[in-house]
N, C-alpha and C. Protein backbone atom coordinates (compact mmCIF):
# COMPACT_ATOMS: atom_id res chain seq x y z
N MET A 1 81.07 84.15 104.51
CA MET A 1 82.12 84.86 103.04
C MET A 1 81.69 85.79 103.25
N LYS A 2 80.91 86.20 104.31
CA LYS A 2 80.43 88.00 104.30
C LYS A 2 81.70 88.24 104.88
N ALA A 3 82.01 88.01 106.35
CA ALA A 3 82.73 87.92 107.35
C ALA A 3 83.93 88.68 106.58
N GLU A 4 83.93 87.05 106.11
CA GLU A 4 85.50 87.07 105.18
C GLU A 4 85.47 88.16 103.96
N ALA A 5 84.89 88.57 103.64
CA ALA A 5 84.84 89.30 102.41
C ALA A 5 84.80 91.09 103.25
N ARG A 6 84.19 91.34 104.17
CA ARG A 6 84.31 92.31 105.58
C ARG A 6 85.50 92.51 106.03
N ALA A 7 86.44 91.62 106.31
CA ALA A 7 87.37 92.00 106.80
C ALA A 7 88.51 91.69 106.31
N GLY A 8 88.62 91.72 105.02
CA GLY A 8 89.67 91.83 103.92
C GLY A 8 89.23 93.45 103.43
N ALA A 9 88.40 93.47 103.35
CA ALA A 9 88.60 94.80 103.34
C ALA A 9 88.68 96.00 103.91
N LEU A 10 88.39 95.64 105.50
CA LEU A 10 88.58 96.73 106.73
C LEU A 10 90.53 96.96 106.93
N GLU A 11 91.18 95.56 106.49
CA GLU A 11 92.97 95.34 106.08
C GLU A 11 93.44 95.79 104.97
N ALA A 12 92.52 95.79 103.76
CA ALA A 12 92.84 96.69 102.51
C ALA A 12 93.29 97.77 102.44
N LEU A 13 91.98 98.73 103.81
CA LEU A 13 92.06 100.23 103.84
C LEU A 13 93.01 100.21 104.50
N GLY A 14 93.39 99.65 105.49
CA GLY A 14 95.13 99.92 106.26
C GLY A 14 96.34 99.89 105.02
N ASP A 15 96.17 98.99 104.40
CA ASP A 15 97.04 99.49 102.82
C ASP A 15 97.19 100.49 102.40
N LEU A 16 96.06 100.99 102.18
CA LEU A 16 95.51 102.12 100.96
C LEU A 16 96.57 103.22 101.98
N GLY A 17 95.98 103.59 103.34
CA GLY A 17 96.21 104.43 104.51
C GLY A 17 96.16 105.38 104.36
N GLY A 18 95.88 106.50 104.89
CA GLY A 18 95.74 108.16 104.94
C GLY A 18 94.88 108.07 106.16
N ALA A 19 94.57 109.97 106.44
CA ALA A 19 93.99 109.87 106.98
C ALA A 19 91.73 109.44 107.17
N GLY A 20 91.60 109.80 106.64
CA GLY A 20 90.46 109.05 105.94
C GLY A 20 90.05 107.43 106.35
N VAL A 21 91.36 106.95 106.08
CA VAL A 21 90.97 105.40 106.21
C VAL A 21 91.14 104.93 107.80
N VAL A 22 92.07 106.28 108.62
CA VAL A 22 92.37 106.09 110.07
C VAL A 22 90.49 106.19 110.86
N ALA A 23 90.20 107.35 110.25
CA ALA A 23 88.76 107.80 110.93
C ALA A 23 87.89 106.70 109.99
N ILE A 24 87.79 105.64 109.39
CA ILE A 24 86.94 104.81 109.51
C ILE A 24 87.29 103.45 109.75
N LEU A 25 88.50 102.88 110.12
CA LEU A 25 89.13 101.48 110.51
C LEU A 25 88.77 102.21 112.22
N GLY A 26 88.70 103.55 112.51
CA GLY A 26 88.37 103.86 113.99
C GLY A 26 87.01 103.20 114.17
N LYS A 27 86.62 103.71 113.68
CA LYS A 27 84.60 103.40 114.16
C LYS A 27 84.63 102.30 113.82
N ALA A 28 85.29 101.30 112.69
CA ALA A 28 85.00 100.25 113.24
C ALA A 28 85.28 99.38 114.38
N MET A 29 86.53 99.99 115.28
CA MET A 29 86.60 99.85 115.94
C MET A 29 85.77 99.37 117.24
N THR A 30 84.29 100.16 116.68
CA THR A 30 83.42 99.70 118.48
C THR A 30 82.18 99.51 117.26
N ALA A 31 82.60 98.18 116.48
CA ALA A 31 82.08 97.24 116.14
C ALA A 31 81.25 96.38 117.41
N PRO A 32 80.30 95.63 117.67
CA PRO A 32 80.13 94.40 118.36
C PRO A 32 80.83 93.12 118.29
N GLU A 33 80.71 92.69 117.03
CA GLU A 33 81.96 91.84 116.93
C GLU A 33 83.59 92.08 116.80
N PRO A 34 83.82 90.74 117.67
CA PRO A 34 85.63 90.59 117.70
C PRO A 34 86.13 90.58 116.71
N TRP A 35 85.48 89.90 115.78
CA TRP A 35 86.39 89.96 113.87
C TRP A 35 86.76 91.22 113.72
N VAL A 36 85.48 91.87 113.51
CA VAL A 36 85.53 92.69 112.97
C VAL A 36 86.96 94.45 113.52
N ARG A 37 87.13 94.21 114.56
CA ARG A 37 87.40 94.77 115.46
C ARG A 37 88.99 94.62 115.22
N ALA A 38 88.78 93.66 115.49
CA ALA A 38 90.54 92.39 115.61
C ALA A 38 91.24 92.75 113.26
N ALA A 39 90.16 93.14 112.46
CA ALA A 39 90.98 93.40 111.45
C ALA A 39 90.98 94.31 111.38
N ALA A 40 90.71 95.98 111.76
CA ALA A 40 90.34 97.41 111.99
C ALA A 40 91.45 96.95 112.93
N VAL A 41 91.92 96.08 114.04
CA VAL A 41 93.48 96.31 113.89
C VAL A 41 94.28 96.27 113.05
N ARG A 42 94.02 95.32 112.40
CA ARG A 42 95.06 94.89 111.82
C ARG A 42 95.72 95.83 110.49
N GLY A 43 94.20 96.39 110.01
CA GLY A 43 94.36 97.76 109.59
C GLY A 43 95.27 99.15 109.70
N LEU A 44 94.98 99.29 110.63
CA LEU A 44 95.44 100.75 111.70
C LEU A 44 96.81 100.34 111.46
N ALA A 45 97.30 98.40 111.65
CA ALA A 45 98.42 98.47 112.45
C ALA A 45 99.39 98.35 110.79
N ALA A 46 98.70 98.23 109.87
CA ALA A 46 99.57 98.11 107.97
C ALA A 46 99.31 99.66 107.40
N SER A 47 98.33 100.58 108.74
CA SER A 47 98.10 102.14 107.51
C SER A 47 99.67 102.47 107.83
N LYS A 48 99.88 102.51 109.18
CA LYS A 48 100.96 103.42 109.96
C LYS A 48 101.27 104.76 109.79
N GLU A 49 100.11 104.90 109.60
CA GLU A 49 99.20 106.26 110.14
C GLU A 49 99.78 106.48 111.72
N PRO A 50 99.95 108.18 112.01
CA PRO A 50 100.50 108.11 113.84
C PRO A 50 99.01 108.41 114.06
N GLU A 51 97.85 108.73 113.77
CA GLU A 51 96.75 108.81 114.07
C GLU A 51 95.75 107.21 114.25
N GLY A 52 96.46 106.27 113.74
CA GLY A 52 95.53 105.73 113.88
C GLY A 52 96.49 104.25 115.28
N LEU A 53 97.96 105.16 115.84
CA LEU A 53 98.59 104.00 116.57
C LEU A 53 97.82 104.41 117.68
N THR A 54 96.73 105.19 118.53
CA THR A 54 96.27 105.28 119.55
C THR A 54 94.51 104.24 119.56
N PHE A 55 94.37 103.88 118.36
CA PHE A 55 93.78 103.02 118.62
C PHE A 55 93.73 101.35 118.14
N VAL A 56 95.24 101.39 118.10
CA VAL A 56 95.69 99.93 117.83
C VAL A 56 96.29 99.94 119.98
N LEU A 57 96.14 101.18 120.49
CA LEU A 57 97.21 101.23 121.74
C LEU A 57 95.67 100.19 122.77
N THR A 58 94.53 101.22 122.90
CA THR A 58 93.42 100.92 122.54
C THR A 58 92.57 99.44 122.43
N ALA A 59 92.95 99.34 121.79
CA ALA A 59 92.66 97.80 121.90
C ALA A 59 93.98 96.73 122.18
N LEU A 60 94.69 96.89 122.38
CA LEU A 60 95.79 95.74 122.65
C LEU A 60 95.58 96.06 124.27
N THR A 61 94.81 97.36 124.79
CA THR A 61 94.98 97.42 126.96
C THR A 61 93.88 97.05 126.86
N GLY A 62 93.07 97.27 126.34
CA GLY A 62 91.22 97.56 126.70
C GLY A 62 89.98 96.91 125.49
N ASP A 63 90.94 96.34 125.36
CA ASP A 63 89.54 95.49 124.16
C ASP A 63 89.44 94.17 125.06
N PRO A 64 88.01 93.28 125.78
CA PRO A 64 87.59 92.55 126.34
C PRO A 64 87.65 90.86 125.14
N ASP A 65 88.48 90.86 124.04
CA ASP A 65 88.15 89.75 123.36
C ASP A 65 89.62 89.92 123.04
N PRO A 66 90.21 89.05 123.60
CA PRO A 66 91.88 87.70 123.83
C PRO A 66 91.47 88.04 122.00
N SER A 67 90.97 87.49 120.90
CA SER A 67 91.02 87.66 119.39
C SER A 67 92.14 88.97 118.94
N VAL A 68 91.17 90.09 119.62
CA VAL A 68 91.36 91.15 119.56
C VAL A 68 92.58 91.91 120.15
N ARG A 69 93.09 91.47 121.00
CA ARG A 69 94.80 92.52 121.59
C ARG A 69 95.53 91.34 120.78
């Protein structure tokens, strides 16, 4: 349940948008757990913030875990 709540929170942050959200979700992209990185990617994509695009592209092209890509 805790993992689901954290993933939901990361995705909800993306819905809020804003530069501060990109910084928080970008930091989550460094988490060791793939599910955290995947939720951060979904949040960054939902934010529609141009600054978040770099993180999304990096995940799509370079994350070692297929569930993140």
